């Protein structure tokens, strides 16, 4: 996968997160968790864009570490929305799968960068 393809993929993930948050019920729990999900899910794409403009391998690894953390956190918030009954698991299963794949690609990229350092 090229950098541009992954950049587009993380942006598409962010857009899907935005749509999910927009569709949440209008209550205090959904608002709080939704805000956290929105922040983490959109941060995946923003931090990947920063990573591809890094100045060194160490900088790339650091920024990709942030992508990893934010992606994992967004998955946590989606799981929490499922567990507290705000969304049905089958409704977000493809979004969860995409988040897991993005996370796996990110971890693999970090490992590759560390080996080439």
C-alpha atoms as a PDB file:
ATOM      1  CA  UNK A   1       0.000   0.000   0.000  1.00  0.00           C
ATOM      2  CA  UNK A   2       1.387   3.393  -0.944  1.00  0.00           C
ATOM      3  CA  UNK A   3       1.525   6.392   1.364  1.00  0.00           C
ATOM      4  CA  UNK A   4      -1.237   8.087  -0.634  1.00  0.00           C
ATOM      5  CA  UNK A   5      -3.457   5.013  -0.454  1.00  0.00           C
ATOM      6  CA  UNK A   6      -2.992   4.779   3.313  1.00  0.00           C
ATOM      7  CA  UNK A   7      -3.522   8.533   3.665  1.00  0.00           C
ATOM      8  CA  UNK A   8      -6.832   8.176   1.814  1.00  0.00           C
ATOM      9  CA  UNK A   9      -7.748   5.135   3.880  1.00  0.00           C
ATOM     10  CA  UNK A  10      -7.165   6.907   7.197  1.00  0.00           C
ATOM     11  CA  UNK A  11      -9.148   9.902   5.964  1.00  0.00           C
ATOM     12  CA  UNK A  12     -12.035   7.631   4.947  1.00  0.00           C
ATOM     13  CA  UNK A  13     -11.883   6.082   8.436  1.00  0.00           C
ATOM     14  CA  UNK A  14     -12.109   9.561   9.973  1.00  0.00           C
ATOM     15  CA  UNK A  15     -15.133  10.378   7.825  1.00  0.00           C
ATOM     16  CA  UNK A  16     -16.846   7.155   8.885  1.00  0.00           C
ATOM     17  CA  UNK A  17     -16.184   8.026  12.527  1.00  0.00           C
ATOM     18  CA  UNK A  18     -17.703  11.475  11.966  1.00  0.00           C
ATOM     19  CA  UNK A  19     -20.838   9.897  10.478  1.00  0.00           C
ATOM     20  CA  UNK A  20     -21.124   7.487  13.404  1.00  0.00           C
ATOM     21  CA  UNK A  21     -20.847  10.286  15.957  1.00  0.00           C
ATOM     22  CA  UNK A  22     -23.449  12.330  14.079  1.00  0.00           C
ATOM     23  CA  UNK A  23     -25.854   9.375  14.250  1.00  0.00           C
ATOM     24  CA  UNK A  24     -25.495   8.784  18.009  1.00  0.00           C
ATOM     25  CA  UNK A  25     -28.443   9.406  20.324  1.00  0.00           C
ATOM     26  CA  UNK A  26     -28.600  12.891  21.810  1.00  0.00           C
ATOM     27  CA  UNK A  27     -27.871  12.077  25.452  1.00  0.00           C
ATOM     28  CA  UNK A  28     -25.062  12.901  27.866  1.00  0.00           C
ATOM     29  CA  UNK A  29     -23.293   9.540  27.598  1.00  0.00           C
ATOM     30  CA  UNK A  30     -23.345   9.505  23.796  1.00  0.00           C
ATOM     31  CA  UNK A  31     -22.179  13.099  23.701  1.00  0.00           C
ATOM     32  CA  UNK A  32     -19.231  12.441  26.004  1.00  0.00           C
ATOM     33  CA  UNK A  33     -18.099   9.192  24.404  1.00  0.00           C
ATOM     34  CA  UNK A  34     -18.846  10.551  20.934  1.00  0.00           C
ATOM     35  CA  UNK A  35     -16.614  13.560  21.542  1.00  0.00           C
ATOM     36  CA  UNK A  36     -13.768  11.284  22.608  1.00  0.00           C
ATOM     37  CA  UNK A  37     -14.313   9.014  19.593  1.00  0.00           C
ATOM     38  CA  UNK A  38     -14.458  11.983  17.239  1.00  0.00           C
ATOM     39  CA  UNK A  39     -11.180  13.333  18.592  1.00  0.00           C
ATOM     40  CA  UNK A  40      -9.354   9.988  18.432  1.00  0.00           C
ATOM     41  CA  UNK A  41     -10.811   8.769  15.145  1.00  0.00           C
ATOM     42  CA  UNK A  42     -10.046  11.938  13.214  1.00  0.00           C
ATOM     43  CA  UNK A  43      -6.622  12.163  14.837  1.00  0.00           C
ATOM     44  CA  UNK A  44      -5.618   8.907  13.117  1.00  0.00           C
ATOM     45  CA  UNK A  45      -5.686  10.603   9.707  1.00  0.00           C
ATOM     46  CA  UNK A  46      -4.222  13.899  10.907  1.00  0.00           C
ATOM     47  CA  UNK A  47      -1.294  12.235  12.635  1.00  0.00           C
ATOM     48  CA  UNK A  48      -0.591   9.962   9.676  1.00  0.00           C
ATOM     49  CA  UNK A  49      -0.341  13.031   7.458  1.00  0.00           C
ATOM     50  CA  UNK A  50       2.175  14.451   9.943  1.00  0.00           C
ATOM     51  CA  UNK A  51       4.102  11.161   9.962  1.00  0.00           C
ATOM     52  CA  UNK A  52       4.583  11.113   6.195  1.00  0.00           C
ATOM     53  CA  UNK A  53       6.118  14.562   6.461  1.00  0.00           C
ATOM     54  CA  UNK A  54       8.496  13.570   9.264  1.00  0.00           C
ATOM     55  CA  UNK A  55      12.064  14.821   9.220  1.00  0.00           C
ATOM     56  CA  UNK A  56      13.774  11.600  10.261  1.00  0.00           C
ATOM     57  CA  UNK A  57      13.149   7.927  10.897  1.00  0.00           C
ATOM     58  CA  UNK A  58      12.936   8.602  14.633  1.00  0.00           C
ATOM     59  CA  UNK A  59      10.380  11.352  14.001  1.00  0.00           C
ATOM     60  CA  UNK A  60       8.391   9.004  11.728  1.00  0.00           C
ATOM     61  CA  UNK A  61       8.385   6.273  14.398  1.00  0.00           C
ATOM     62  CA  UNK A  62       7.258   8.742  17.044  1.00  0.00           C
ATOM     63  CA  UNK A  63       4.424  10.122  14.921  1.00  0.00           C
ATOM     64  CA  UNK A  64       3.317   6.658  13.850  1.00  0.00           C
ATOM     65  CA  UNK A  65       3.251   5.743  17.545  1.00  0.00           C
ATOM     66  CA  UNK A  66       0.672   8.490  17.979  1.00  0.00           C
ATOM     67  CA  UNK A  67      -1.340   7.081  15.054  1.00  0.00           C
ATOM     68  CA  UNK A  68      -1.235   3.671  16.773  1.00  0.00           C
ATOM     69  CA  UNK A  69      -2.402   5.101  20.103  1.00  0.00           C
ATOM     70  CA  UNK A  70      -5.240   7.137  18.580  1.00  0.00           C
ATOM     71  CA  UNK A  71      -6.459   4.252  16.434  1.00  0.00           C
ATOM     72  CA  UNK A  72      -6.475   1.904  19.411  1.00  0.00           C
ATOM     73  CA  UNK A  73      -8.277   4.535  21.472  1.00  0.00           C
ATOM     74  CA  UNK A  74     -10.925   5.037  18.798  1.00  0.00           C
ATOM     75  CA  UNK A  75     -11.553   1.287  18.817  1.00  0.00           C
ATOM     76  CA  UNK A  76     -11.967   1.443  22.593  1.00  0.00           C
ATOM     77  CA  UNK A  77     -14.597   4.201  22.331  1.00  0.00           C
ATOM     78  CA  UNK A  78     -16.536   2.257  19.699  1.00  0.00           C
ATOM     79  CA  UNK A  79     -16.432  -0.844  21.939  1.00  0.00           C
ATOM     80  CA  UNK A  80     -17.701   1.274  24.829  1.00  0.00           C
ATOM     81  CA  UNK A  81     -20.588   2.588  22.713  1.00  0.00           C
ATOM     82  CA  UNK A  82     -21.508  -1.014  21.929  1.00  0.00           C
ATOM     83  CA  UNK A  83     -21.156  -2.158  25.544  1.00  0.00           C
ATOM     84  CA  UNK A  84     -23.338   0.648  26.895  1.00  0.00           C
ATOM     85  CA  UNK A  85     -26.010  -0.022  24.287  1.00  0.00           C
ATOM     86  CA  UNK A  86     -25.702   3.174  22.268  1.00  0.00           C
ATOM     87  CA  UNK A  87     -24.933   1.338  18.998  1.00  0.00           C
ATOM     88  CA  UNK A  88     -25.438  -2.222  17.833  1.00  0.00           C
ATOM     89  CA  UNK A  89     -22.288  -4.240  17.178  1.00  0.00           C
ATOM     90  CA  UNK A  90     -23.434  -5.297  13.711  1.00  0.00           C
ATOM     91  CA  UNK A  91     -23.886  -1.636  12.730  1.00  0.00           C
ATOM     92  CA  UNK A  92     -20.235  -0.799  13.443  1.00  0.00           C
ATOM     93  CA  UNK A  93     -18.555  -4.131  12.716  1.00  0.00           C
ATOM     94  CA  UNK A  94     -17.054  -2.987   9.402  1.00  0.00           C
ATOM     95  CA  UNK A  95     -15.798   0.230  11.025  1.00  0.00           C
ATOM     96  CA  UNK A  96     -14.215  -1.824  13.801  1.00  0.00           C
ATOM     97  CA  UNK A  97     -12.620  -4.140  11.231  1.00  0.00           C
ATOM     98  CA  UNK A  98     -11.208  -1.160   9.343  1.00  0.00           C
ATOM     99  CA  UNK A  99      -9.811   0.292  12.565  1.00  0.00           C
ATOM    100  CA  UNK A 100      -8.163  -3.039  13.386  1.00  0.00           C
ATOM    101  CA  UNK A 101      -6.622  -3.210   9.902  1.00  0.00           C
ATOM    102  CA  UNK A 102      -5.341   0.364  10.109  1.00  0.00           C
ATOM    103  CA  UNK A 103      -3.890  -0.441  13.518  1.00  0.00           C
ATOM    104  CA  UNK A 104      -2.147  -3.562  12.188  1.00  0.00           C
ATOM    105  CA  UNK A 105      -0.695  -1.683   9.211  1.00  0.00           C
ATOM    106  CA  UNK A 106       0.508   1.081  11.514  1.00  0.00           C
ATOM    107  CA  UNK A 107       2.231  -1.381  13.873  1.00  0.00           C
ATOM    108  CA  UNK A 108       3.863  -3.136  10.910  1.00  0.00           C
ATOM    109  CA  UNK A 109       5.112   0.203   9.566  1.00  0.00           C
ATOM    110  CA  UNK A 110       6.629   1.072  12.926  1.00  0.00           C
ATOM    111  CA  UNK A 111       8.386  -2.300  13.101  1.00  0.00           C
ATOM    112  CA  UNK A 112       9.732  -1.887   9.575  1.00  0.00           C
ATOM    113  CA  UNK A 113      10.989   1.623  10.328  1.00  0.00           C
ATOM    114  CA  UNK A 114      12.714   0.411  13.508  1.00  0.00           C
ATOM    115  CA  UNK A 115      14.500  -2.348  11.589  1.00  0.00           C
ATOM    116  CA  UNK A 116      15.738   0.061   8.926  1.00  0.00           C
ATOM    117  CA  UNK A 117      16.926   2.628  11.472  1.00  0.00           C
END
